[in-house]
Amino acid sequence: MKKINTPIQLFKVHMNPNAKVEVGKILDSGYIGQGPKVDEFEIKLNEYFNSDRVVTLNSGTSGLHLALHLLKKASNSVTADGYSVIERNWPGLKDNDEVLATALTCTASNWPILANGLKIKWVDIDEKTLNMDLDDLERKISPKTKAIIAVHWGGYPLDLDRLKKIQDKSFELYGFRPAIIEDGAHSFGSEYKGKKLGNHGNMVMYSLQAIKHITAIDGGLLVLPHQDLYNRAKLIRWYGIDRGGNRKDFRCEADIVEWGFKFHMNDVCATVGMENLKDAETIIGKHRTNAKFYDDNLKGVNGVTLLERKPEHNSAFWIYSLLVENRDGFYKHMKDCGIVVSQVHERNDKHTAVKEFRSPLPTLDRILPKVVSIPVGWWVTEEERQYIVDCIKKGW
C-alpha cells in the first residue's frame, strides 16, 4: 500500500466556478443587502424542498434562535397533515421552560436555548446512530418540556414517526405537545420515508456554513410548517419590519407589531448559495456513494463498528461516523497514512457555561471515546476511498 502525497481532508469547501462571476455582478450593482437575489434564492430553495415556506437567514444558529423565539407566542395554528408543531392549547414558551436536547452536537445547536432564557435537559444518545435516544427522550418528558431540538447526526434522520408518538403521549399527560425543531445542519438533502426533511410537520433548520454540503459563504434557513410561523419569521428576521409594505418615506418603516432581529441573508451570500445549489444533487450523490462504499467494505473489520442503516432513513452523509477501538491509536495510524479524521463535535455538557444542567448520560460516556469520522465528501475519489479502507483494514 503506497502512502499518498497529499493528505485526504475531512472537510472541503465546494464552490461553483460561476459563483465569482455572479457575485461580481452583485458587487457592481450597488445593492448588496437583502434584495432580489435573496428572493430568487428562496424560490429555488422552495423548489428543492418542495415547500413554499423557506426563510433564509445569516446562519443556521440564527435559525434555531429564531425558531425558539417564534414559539414564545401562543398559537392555535395546526399543520394540514396532522403533524403539529404548535398544537391547539399551545401555551407558548416561557422563561425557564425545558428544551430536551442532545449533548453530542455543535454548541450552535444548544446555545440558542440559553439565549432564549430556557433550560436544557440533556437526553442520552443512541449508540447505533449517535442520534438522540428516543427511549430516554420519552422518559424525560415533563410538564415543563415545551420543545425538543432533534439533531440528525451526520445527516441520518431520526425516527420522526416515533417523535410524533412521543408528542402525542405528552398531550395525553399534560395537554400539549412539545414543539419539535429539527436541526438539519448536517442534513441538506436527507430524506425520511422518501420526503426531504422539512416536509414532516416540524420546523427544520439547515446550515449553509462554509463546509456544509451547500455553502452560501455563511448562512442558514428555516423551513416552516404553516403560514402563521412563516409570516412571522419573515418579519422577525429583519427587526419586525414589513419590507413589502407601503411606506410614505422609503427609509422609514411602518408600525412594527412584533420586534425582531437582524438575522436576514444578503444578496452576496444568496448569489453564492444559488450557484452552489445547482450542484446539490451531484455533491450529495457523491457523499452517499462514498458512504455506501465504506458500508460495504468496512463491515466486519476488526476494531470497527458501523452505525445503523435503515432504508427509510436516507442520510446525506455530511460526515461518515463509525466507532473504533483504541481511538488514540486509530488517530495516530490515520495521521501516518495522511488521512484527516476527527470526532467532529465535542460533547456540549462538559462546558462550564452549562454546568447547572449536567446529568448522567451513560451511553454518551461509554460511546464518545470511540466516535470518529473519516473523509466521505464529494472530493474523495474512488482511489482515495479505497486507500482509506486499506489503511483501516491494515490495523492500528
Protein backbone atom coordinates (compact mmCIF):
# COMPACT_ATOMS: atom_id res chain seq x y z
CA MET A 1 0.00 0.00 0.00
CA LYS A 2 1.61 3.21 -1.20
CA LYS A 3 1.18 6.29 1.01
CA ILE A 4 -0.45 9.25 -0.69
CA ASN A 5 1.45 12.53 -1.09
CA THR A 6 -1.36 14.95 -0.26
CA PRO A 7 -3.49 14.44 2.88
CA ILE A 8 -7.12 13.47 2.33
CA GLN A 9 -9.13 16.21 4.01
CA LEU A 10 -12.14 15.65 6.25
CA PHE A 11 -13.80 18.86 5.04
CA LYS A 12 -13.51 20.95 1.91
CA VAL A 13 -15.36 23.99 0.58
CA HIS A 14 -17.33 23.43 -2.63
CA MET A 15 -17.62 26.48 -4.85
CA ASN A 16 -19.34 26.51 -8.22
CA PRO A 17 -16.93 28.25 -10.64
CA ASN A 18 -19.69 30.57 -11.82
CA ALA A 19 -20.20 31.96 -8.30
CA LYS A 20 -17.39 34.53 -8.60
CA VAL A 21 -18.84 35.80 -11.89
CA GLU A 22 -22.33 36.24 -10.45
CA VAL A 23 -21.04 37.76 -7.20
CA GLY A 24 -19.07 40.27 -9.26
CA LYS A 25 -22.30 41.41 -10.85
CA ILE A 26 -23.86 41.92 -7.43
CA LEU A 27 -20.84 43.86 -6.14
CA ASP A 28 -21.06 46.15 -9.15
CA SER A 29 -24.81 46.60 -8.82
CA GLY A 30 -24.65 48.79 -5.73
CA TYR A 31 -27.22 46.58 -3.98
CA ILE A 32 -25.60 44.02 -1.70
CA GLY A 33 -28.06 43.78 1.22
CA GLN A 34 -31.25 41.72 1.36
CA GLY A 35 -32.75 42.20 -2.06
CA PRO A 36 -33.92 40.41 -5.21
CA LYS A 37 -31.23 37.71 -5.06
CA VAL A 38 -32.43 36.63 -1.62
CA ASP A 39 -35.96 36.37 -3.01
CA GLU A 40 -34.70 34.40 -6.00
CA PHE A 41 -32.69 32.06 -3.80
CA GLU A 42 -35.73 31.38 -1.62
CA ILE A 43 -37.76 30.46 -4.71
CA LYS A 44 -35.06 27.97 -5.73
CA LEU A 45 -34.96 26.52 -2.21
CA ASN A 46 -38.74 26.16 -2.16
CA GLU A 47 -38.47 24.15 -5.35
CA TYR A 48 -35.70 21.99 -3.90
CA PHE A 49 -37.52 21.23 -0.65
CA ASN A 50 -40.97 21.01 -2.26
CA SER A 51 -42.15 23.77 0.05
CA ASP A 52 -43.40 27.33 -0.20
CA ARG A 53 -42.27 28.37 3.30
CA VAL A 54 -38.47 28.64 3.26
CA VAL A 55 -36.91 31.63 5.03
CA THR A 56 -33.20 32.35 4.50
CA LEU A 57 -31.05 33.67 7.36
CA ASN A 58 -27.48 34.72 8.09
CA SER A 59 -26.67 31.42 9.86
CA GLY A 60 -28.13 28.14 10.98
CA THR A 61 -27.62 29.26 14.57
CA SER A 62 -29.88 32.23 13.89
CA GLY A 63 -32.40 29.75 12.54
CA LEU A 64 -32.56 27.85 15.83
CA HIS A 65 -32.66 31.09 17.82
CA LEU A 66 -35.50 32.38 15.65
CA ALA A 67 -37.41 29.08 15.84
CA LEU A 68 -37.40 29.13 19.64
CA HIS A 69 -38.32 32.80 19.69
CA LEU A 70 -41.29 32.13 17.40
CA LEU A 71 -42.54 29.51 19.85
CA LYS A 72 -42.79 32.01 22.70
CA LYS A 73 -46.03 33.28 21.24
CA ALA A 74 -49.12 31.17 21.93
CA SER A 75 -50.87 29.96 18.79
CA ASN A 76 -53.70 27.73 17.68
CA SER A 77 -52.22 27.03 14.25
CA VAL A 78 -52.06 23.40 13.19
CA THR A 79 -50.42 21.88 10.13
CA ALA A 80 -52.72 20.45 7.50
CA ASP A 81 -51.20 16.94 7.59
CA GLY A 82 -51.77 16.50 11.32
CA TYR A 83 -48.10 16.81 12.34
CA SER A 84 -48.48 19.66 14.79
CA VAL A 85 -45.60 21.96 15.63
CA ILE A 86 -47.91 24.23 17.58
CA GLU A 87 -50.91 22.21 18.70
CA ARG A 88 -54.22 23.64 19.93
CA ASN A 89 -53.89 24.82 23.52
CA TRP A 90 -50.17 25.52 22.96
CA PRO A 91 -49.25 27.76 25.89
CA GLY A 92 -46.13 29.31 24.39
CA LEU A 93 -42.55 29.03 25.65
CA LYS A 94 -41.86 30.84 28.89
CA ASP A 95 -38.63 31.60 30.76
CA ASN A 96 -37.16 28.51 32.44
CA ASP A 97 -39.21 26.04 30.39
CA GLU A 98 -37.28 22.92 29.40
CA VAL A 99 -35.91 22.05 25.99
CA LEU A 100 -34.82 18.44 25.55
CA ALA A 101 -31.57 18.28 23.61
CA THR A 102 -28.58 16.12 22.78
CA ALA A 103 -25.14 16.94 24.11
CA LEU A 104 -23.46 15.32 21.09
CA THR A 105 -23.62 18.16 18.60
CA CYS A 106 -22.13 21.55 17.81
CA THR A 107 -22.70 24.14 20.52
CA ALA A 108 -24.64 26.04 17.85
CA SER A 109 -27.49 23.58 18.48
CA ASN A 110 -27.80 24.34 22.17
CA TRP A 111 -26.63 27.87 22.88
CA PRO A 112 -29.81 29.34 21.30
CA ILE A 113 -31.73 27.57 24.08
CA LEU A 114 -29.82 29.62 26.65
CA ALA A 115 -30.13 32.79 24.57
CA ASN A 116 -33.91 32.43 24.77
CA GLY A 117 -33.96 32.13 28.57
CA LEU A 118 -34.77 28.41 28.53
CA LYS A 119 -33.38 25.41 30.39
CA ILE A 120 -31.58 22.47 28.80
CA LYS A 121 -32.43 18.92 29.79
CA TRP A 122 -29.92 16.51 28.25
CA VAL A 123 -31.00 13.32 26.52
CA ASP A 124 -28.61 10.41 26.10
CA ILE A 125 -27.56 9.12 22.67
CA ASP A 126 -28.45 6.00 20.70
CA GLU A 127 -25.19 4.13 20.16
CA LYS A 128 -26.49 2.68 16.88
CA THR A 129 -26.97 6.08 15.22
CA LEU A 130 -25.37 8.73 17.52
CA ASN A 131 -28.73 10.49 17.38
CA MET A 132 -30.85 11.20 20.43
CA ASP A 133 -32.03 8.07 22.28
CA LEU A 134 -35.79 8.29 21.83
CA ASP A 135 -36.47 5.93 24.75
CA ASP A 136 -34.55 8.27 27.03
CA LEU A 137 -36.33 11.24 25.45
CA GLU A 138 -39.72 9.74 26.23
CA ARG A 139 -38.70 9.07 29.85
CA LYS A 140 -37.57 12.68 30.33
CA ILE A 141 -40.69 14.46 29.05
CA SER A 142 -42.19 16.55 31.86
CA PRO A 143 -44.90 19.22 32.25
CA LYS A 144 -42.18 21.84 31.64
CA THR A 145 -40.91 20.22 28.42
CA LYS A 146 -42.10 22.65 25.78
CA ALA A 147 -39.68 21.89 22.94
CA ILE A 148 -37.30 19.28 21.55
CA ILE A 149 -34.29 20.09 19.38
CA ALA A 150 -33.75 16.97 17.30
CA VAL A 151 -30.30 16.78 15.70
CA HIS A 152 -29.83 14.44 12.74
CA TRP A 153 -26.21 13.35 13.34
CA GLY A 154 -24.20 13.19 10.12
CA GLY A 155 -27.44 13.63 8.18
CA TYR A 156 -29.03 10.35 9.35
CA PRO A 157 -32.65 11.20 10.16
CA LEU A 158 -34.21 10.46 13.50
CA ASP A 159 -37.37 8.36 13.55
CA LEU A 160 -39.83 11.20 13.02
CA ASP A 161 -42.87 8.93 13.41
CA ARG A 162 -41.66 7.88 16.85
CA LEU A 163 -41.12 11.54 17.75
CA LYS A 164 -44.73 12.26 16.84
CA LYS A 165 -45.89 9.44 19.13
CA ILE A 166 -43.86 10.96 21.95
CA GLN A 167 -45.58 14.29 21.28
CA ASP A 168 -48.95 12.53 21.44
CA LYS A 169 -48.07 10.91 24.77
CA SER A 170 -47.15 14.31 26.19
CA PHE A 171 -50.51 15.66 25.01
CA GLU A 172 -52.29 12.82 26.81
CA LEU A 173 -50.36 13.50 30.02
CA TYR A 174 -50.04 17.29 30.05
CA GLY A 175 -52.48 18.72 27.50
CA PHE A 176 -49.98 19.96 24.92
CA ARG A 177 -47.36 18.65 22.51
CA PRO A 178 -43.74 19.81 22.82
CA ALA A 179 -42.70 21.58 19.64
CA ILE A 180 -40.07 19.78 17.55
CA ILE A 181 -37.30 21.76 15.92
CA GLU A 182 -35.17 19.61 13.63
CA ASP A 183 -31.51 20.61 13.48
CA GLY A 184 -30.59 19.68 9.92
CA ALA A 185 -27.17 21.34 9.90
CA HIS A 186 -25.67 18.01 8.73
CA SER A 187 -28.65 17.07 6.62
CA PHE A 188 -29.06 19.08 3.41
CA GLY A 189 -30.72 16.57 1.08
CA SER A 190 -31.53 13.95 3.73
CA GLU A 191 -34.86 12.18 3.43
CA TYR A 192 -37.20 10.36 5.79
CA LYS A 193 -39.63 7.95 4.16
CA GLY A 194 -38.99 9.42 0.72
CA LYS A 195 -39.51 13.08 1.65
CA LYS A 196 -36.83 15.68 2.32
CA LEU A 197 -36.61 16.88 5.90
CA GLY A 198 -38.88 19.88 6.13
CA ASN A 199 -41.96 18.00 4.94
CA HIS A 200 -42.93 16.21 8.15
CA GLY A 201 -44.70 18.96 10.06
CA ASN A 202 -41.81 20.37 12.09
CA MET A 203 -39.65 23.46 11.88
CA VAL A 204 -36.37 22.46 10.25
CA MET A 205 -33.11 24.41 10.28
CA TYR A 206 -30.43 23.92 7.63
CA SER A 207 -26.93 25.37 7.69
CA LEU A 208 -25.24 26.94 4.67
CA GLN A 209 -21.97 27.48 6.52
CA ALA A 210 -18.62 27.24 4.70
CA ILE A 211 -18.01 23.48 4.82
CA LYS A 212 -21.58 22.21 4.57
CA HIS A 213 -22.90 20.37 1.51
CA ILE A 214 -24.11 23.68 0.09
CA THR A 215 -22.44 26.88 1.23
CA ALA A 216 -23.55 30.48 0.90
CA ILE A 217 -20.22 31.56 2.49
CA ASP A 218 -22.28 31.63 5.65
CA GLY A 219 -25.99 31.35 6.10
CA GLY A 220 -28.90 29.20 7.10
CA LEU A 221 -32.55 28.68 6.52
CA LEU A 222 -35.75 27.63 8.22
CA VAL A 223 -38.44 25.52 6.62
CA LEU A 224 -41.71 26.37 8.37
CA PRO A 225 -44.71 24.01 8.63
CA HIS A 226 -47.51 26.54 8.28
CA GLN A 227 -48.25 30.06 7.13
CA ASP A 228 -48.53 31.73 10.53
CA LEU A 229 -44.97 30.80 11.51
CA TYR A 230 -43.69 31.65 8.03
CA ASN A 231 -45.24 35.13 8.03
CA ARG A 232 -43.81 35.92 11.46
CA ALA A 233 -40.37 34.52 10.60
CA LYS A 234 -40.09 36.75 7.52
CA LEU A 235 -40.80 39.80 9.64
CA ILE A 236 -38.80 38.90 12.74
CA ARG A 237 -35.63 38.04 10.81
CA TRP A 238 -35.38 41.76 9.93
CA TYR A 239 -36.35 43.73 13.07
CA GLY A 240 -40.07 43.01 12.55
CA ILE A 241 -40.20 45.35 9.56
CA ASP A 242 -42.55 44.51 6.70
CA ARG A 243 -40.19 45.05 3.78
CA GLY A 244 -43.02 44.61 1.28
CA GLY A 245 -45.35 47.13 2.90
CA ASN A 246 -46.20 50.59 1.59
CA ARG A 247 -44.08 53.41 3.01
CA LYS A 248 -44.58 57.14 2.70
CA ASP A 249 -40.81 57.51 3.05
CA PHE A 250 -38.74 54.63 1.67
CA ARG A 251 -36.28 54.91 4.59
CA CYS A 252 -38.92 54.89 7.31
CA GLU A 253 -40.81 51.77 8.29
CA ALA A 254 -44.49 51.41 9.11
CA ASP A 255 -45.68 50.34 12.55
CA ILE A 256 -43.79 47.32 13.92
CA VAL A 257 -46.20 44.94 15.63
CA GLU A 258 -43.62 42.42 16.88
CA TRP A 259 -39.93 43.32 17.33
CA GLY A 260 -37.28 41.16 15.73
CA PHE A 261 -33.61 40.55 14.99
CA LYS A 262 -31.01 41.19 12.33
CA PHE A 263 -30.94 37.58 11.09
CA HIS A 264 -31.54 38.12 7.38
CA MET A 265 -29.39 36.95 4.47
CA ASN A 266 -27.83 39.33 1.93
CA ASP A 267 -27.67 39.23 -1.87
CA VAL A 268 -23.97 38.32 -1.97
CA CYS A 269 -24.45 35.18 0.14
CA ALA A 270 -27.69 34.34 -1.67
CA THR A 271 -25.90 34.51 -5.02
CA VAL A 272 -23.17 32.13 -3.85
CA GLY A 273 -25.76 29.80 -2.39
CA MET A 274 -27.83 29.83 -5.56
CA GLU A 275 -24.86 28.88 -7.74
CA ASN A 276 -23.83 26.09 -5.38
CA LEU A 277 -27.40 24.81 -5.15
CA LYS A 278 -27.09 23.86 -8.83
CA ASP A 279 -24.57 21.19 -7.74
CA ALA A 280 -26.60 19.84 -4.80
CA GLU A 281 -27.58 16.51 -6.28
CA THR A 282 -24.06 15.83 -7.55
CA ILE A 283 -22.48 16.71 -4.20
CA ILE A 284 -24.94 14.71 -2.10
CA GLY A 285 -24.81 11.81 -4.57
CA LYS A 286 -21.03 11.55 -4.16
CA HIS A 287 -21.30 11.65 -0.37
CA ARG A 288 -23.83 8.82 -0.49
CA THR A 289 -21.80 6.76 -2.96
CA ASN A 290 -18.67 7.04 -0.82
CA ALA A 291 -20.65 6.16 2.31
CA LYS A 292 -22.10 3.06 0.62
CA PHE A 293 -18.56 2.01 -0.33
CA TYR A 294 -17.48 2.27 3.31
CA ASP A 295 -20.60 0.39 4.48
CA ASP A 296 -19.81 -2.45 2.09
CA ASN A 297 -16.05 -2.59 2.64
CA LEU A 298 -15.66 -1.90 6.37
CA LYS A 299 -18.28 -4.39 7.50
CA GLY A 300 -16.72 -6.93 9.84
CA VAL A 301 -13.34 -5.17 10.08
CA ASN A 302 -11.66 -5.88 13.41
CA GLY A 303 -11.95 -2.92 15.83
CA VAL A 304 -14.62 -1.14 13.77
CA THR A 305 -18.38 -0.89 14.48
CA LEU A 306 -20.54 0.64 11.76
CA LEU A 307 -23.67 2.65 12.52
CA GLU A 308 -27.23 1.63 11.72
CA ARG A 309 -28.75 1.92 8.24
CA LYS A 310 -32.48 1.66 7.58
CA PRO A 311 -33.97 2.19 4.11
CA GLU A 312 -36.49 4.82 5.19
CA HIS A 313 -33.66 6.94 6.70
CA ASN A 314 -31.79 8.30 3.66
CA SER A 315 -28.79 10.21 5.00
CA ALA A 316 -26.97 12.94 3.09
CA PHE A 317 -23.78 11.85 4.92
CA TRP A 318 -22.23 15.23 5.64
CA ILE A 319 -19.89 13.15 7.77
CA TYR A 320 -19.34 9.39 7.94
CA SER A 321 -19.02 8.35 11.57
CA LEU A 322 -18.07 4.97 12.96
CA LEU A 323 -16.92 3.53 16.28
CA VAL A 324 -13.36 2.32 16.73
CA GLU A 325 -11.48 0.58 19.50
CA ASN A 326 -8.29 2.30 20.72
CA ARG A 327 -9.18 5.60 19.14
CA ASP A 328 -5.89 7.25 20.05
CA GLY A 329 -4.10 4.52 18.15
CA PHE A 330 -6.52 4.94 15.26
CA TYR A 331 -5.87 8.70 15.16
CA LYS A 332 -2.12 8.17 15.02
CA HIS A 333 -2.38 5.46 12.36
CA MET A 334 -4.61 7.58 10.12
CA LYS A 335 -2.33 10.60 10.53
CA ASP A 336 0.60 8.44 9.47
CA CYS A 337 -1.46 7.39 6.43
CA GLY A 338 -2.16 11.04 5.54
CA ILE A 339 -5.89 10.86 6.28
CA VAL A 340 -7.59 13.57 8.35
CA VAL A 341 -10.10 12.22 10.88
CA SER A 342 -11.94 13.72 13.85
CA GLN A 343 -14.66 13.25 16.44
CA VAL A 344 -16.06 16.45 14.82
CA HIS A 345 -18.10 17.75 17.79
CA GLU A 346 -17.27 17.84 21.50
CA ARG A 347 -19.99 16.94 23.98
CA ASN A 348 -21.70 20.17 24.98
CA ASP A 349 -22.48 19.22 28.57
CA LYS A 350 -18.79 19.37 29.57
CA HIS A 351 -18.69 23.17 29.29
CA THR A 352 -18.77 25.38 32.35
CA ALA A 353 -21.47 27.53 30.74
CA VAL A 354 -23.99 24.70 31.14
CA LYS A 355 -22.74 23.02 34.32
CA GLU A 356 -26.10 23.57 36.07
CA PHE A 357 -27.77 21.18 33.62
CA ARG A 358 -25.35 18.27 33.97
CA SER A 359 -26.94 14.87 34.40
CA PRO A 360 -25.91 11.23 33.88
CA LEU A 361 -25.55 10.23 30.22
CA PRO A 362 -24.09 6.73 30.48
CA THR A 363 -24.27 5.79 26.80
CA LEU A 364 -22.57 9.01 25.73
CA ASP A 365 -19.87 8.42 28.36
CA ARG A 366 -19.24 4.93 27.02
CA ILE A 367 -19.51 5.58 23.28
CA LEU A 368 -17.95 9.00 22.73
CA PRO A 369 -14.35 7.77 23.21
CA LYS A 370 -14.93 5.51 20.19
CA VAL A 371 -16.54 8.04 17.82
CA VAL A 372 -14.57 9.11 14.76
CA SER A 373 -15.44 10.44 11.30
CA ILE A 374 -13.49 9.64 8.13
CA PRO A 375 -13.47 11.61 4.84
CA VAL A 376 -16.63 10.92 2.82
CA GLY A 377 -17.15 14.13 0.82
CA TRP A 378 -17.51 14.91 -2.87
CA TRP A 379 -13.74 15.45 -3.15
CA VAL A 380 -12.85 11.88 -2.12
CA THR A 381 -12.01 9.91 -5.26
CA GLU A 382 -12.55 6.19 -5.83
CA GLU A 383 -8.81 5.65 -5.44
CA GLU A 384 -8.70 7.63 -2.20
CA ARG A 385 -11.68 5.89 -0.62
CA GLN A 386 -10.08 2.51 -1.41
CA TYR A 387 -6.87 3.77 0.18
CA ILE A 388 -8.81 4.83 3.30
CA VAL A 389 -10.37 1.37 3.56
CA ASP A 390 -6.99 -0.33 3.05
CA CYS A 391 -5.44 1.79 5.80
CA ILE A 392 -8.21 0.90 8.23
CA LYS A 393 -8.04 -2.80 7.37
CA LYS A 394 -4.28 -2.77 7.95
CA GLY A 395 -4.99 -2.15 11.65
CA TRP A 396 -3.59 0.23 14.24
